[in-house]
Protein backbone atom coordinates (compact mmCIF):
# COMPACT_ATOMS: atom_id res chain seq x y z
CA UNK A 1 6.61 -1.50 -38.94
CA UNK A 2 6.47 -3.07 -35.50
CA UNK A 3 3.57 -5.39 -34.86
CA UNK A 4 2.33 -6.28 -31.40
CA UNK A 5 0.71 -9.63 -30.67
CA UNK A 6 -2.77 -9.15 -29.23
CA UNK A 7 -2.15 -11.37 -26.22
CA UNK A 8 1.36 -10.21 -25.37
CA UNK A 9 2.19 -10.18 -21.66
CA UNK A 10 5.16 -8.13 -20.47
CA UNK A 11 6.86 -9.82 -17.52
CA UNK A 12 6.25 -8.07 -14.23
CA UNK A 13 6.43 -8.71 -10.51
CA UNK A 14 4.45 -7.18 -7.66
CA UNK A 15 6.71 -5.26 -5.28
CA UNK A 16 6.43 -2.71 -2.51
CA UNK A 17 9.32 -0.27 -2.69
CA UNK A 18 10.05 2.44 -0.12
CA UNK A 19 6.69 4.18 -0.61
CA UNK A 20 5.04 1.03 0.82
CA UNK A 21 2.53 0.68 -2.02
CA UNK A 22 2.55 -2.71 -3.71
CA UNK A 23 2.24 -2.51 -7.49
CA UNK A 24 3.33 -4.43 -10.56
CA UNK A 25 6.74 -3.39 -11.87
CA UNK A 26 7.64 -4.27 -15.46
CA UNK A 27 10.85 -6.27 -15.75
CA UNK A 28 11.77 -5.64 -19.38
CA UNK A 29 13.37 -2.45 -20.56
CA UNK A 30 11.12 -0.07 -22.51
CA UNK A 31 12.65 -1.06 -25.86
CA UNK A 32 12.27 -4.82 -25.46
CA UNK A 33 8.59 -5.16 -24.63
CA UNK A 34 5.88 -3.48 -26.72
CA UNK A 35 4.02 -2.33 -23.61
CA UNK A 36 7.02 -1.44 -21.41
CA UNK A 37 7.23 2.04 -22.89
CA UNK A 38 3.74 2.92 -21.74
CA UNK A 39 3.49 5.51 -18.96
CA UNK A 40 3.55 4.43 -15.35
CA UNK A 41 0.13 3.84 -13.90
CA UNK A 42 -1.28 2.44 -10.66
CA UNK A 43 -1.56 -0.92 -12.43
CA UNK A 44 1.98 -1.12 -13.83
CA UNK A 45 5.21 0.84 -13.51
CA UNK A 46 8.73 0.84 -14.91
CA UNK A 47 11.48 1.56 -12.38
CA UNK A 48 15.08 1.45 -13.65
CA UNK A 49 16.41 0.13 -10.30
CA UNK A 50 13.97 -2.80 -10.47
CA UNK A 51 15.01 -3.56 -14.04
CA UNK A 52 18.71 -3.38 -13.11
CA UNK A 53 18.26 -5.64 -10.09
CA UNK A 54 16.30 -8.15 -12.17
CA UNK A 55 19.04 -8.30 -14.81
CA UNK A 56 21.71 -8.77 -12.14
CA UNK A 57 19.60 -11.44 -10.41
CA UNK A 58 19.35 -13.30 -13.73
CA UNK A 59 23.16 -13.35 -13.70
CA UNK A 60 23.07 -15.03 -10.28
CA UNK A 61 23.62 -12.17 -7.82
CA UNK A 62 22.28 -12.73 -4.32
CA UNK A 63 19.22 -10.88 -2.99
CA UNK A 64 21.11 -9.19 -0.12
CA UNK A 65 23.67 -7.80 -2.56
CA UNK A 66 20.93 -6.70 -4.98
CA UNK A 67 19.12 -4.83 -2.18
CA UNK A 68 22.25 -2.93 -1.23
CA UNK A 69 23.46 -2.27 -4.77
CA UNK A 70 20.13 -1.16 -6.26
CA UNK A 71 18.84 0.49 -3.06
CA UNK A 72 15.78 -1.77 -2.85
CA UNK A 73 13.98 -3.17 0.19
CA UNK A 74 15.22 -6.71 1.00
CA UNK A 75 11.77 -8.24 0.35
CA UNK A 76 11.69 -6.68 -3.13
CA UNK A 77 15.18 -8.01 -3.90
CA UNK A 78 14.10 -11.51 -2.83
CA UNK A 79 11.05 -11.38 -5.10
CA UNK A 80 13.20 -10.23 -8.01
CA UNK A 81 15.69 -13.05 -7.37
CA UNK A 82 12.80 -15.54 -7.33
CA UNK A 83 11.46 -14.15 -10.64
CA UNK A 84 14.96 -14.35 -12.12
CA UNK A 85 15.38 -17.95 -10.98
CA UNK A 86 12.04 -18.80 -12.60
CA UNK A 87 13.23 -17.13 -15.83
CA UNK A 88 16.52 -19.06 -15.77
CA UNK A 89 14.65 -22.37 -15.23
CA UNK A 90 12.22 -21.63 -18.07
CA UNK A 91 15.07 -20.65 -20.38
CA UNK A 92 17.04 -23.81 -19.51
CA UNK A 93 14.10 -26.12 -20.27
CA UNK A 94 13.37 -24.32 -23.55
CA UNK A 95 16.94 -24.82 -24.79
């Protein structure tokens, strides 16, 4: 049985994609975070291109390349790269 901590926070970042509406996009895949599998809502959404770009940014890919590869607006790619850099720094200090 899978248990979910009461105060769990799935990582997310606020982005405006091509529809122009800024919303929180979940960064973990639906199987990794207990709340990532929940349906999209105005408060939080899962977009596979955002997840892919975040994973690639964590591997060090540049925002301009991420925008072109994942078909994301440049500003969204920059925010994802910033979130990925923050994740890498937090992971490095925890090790």
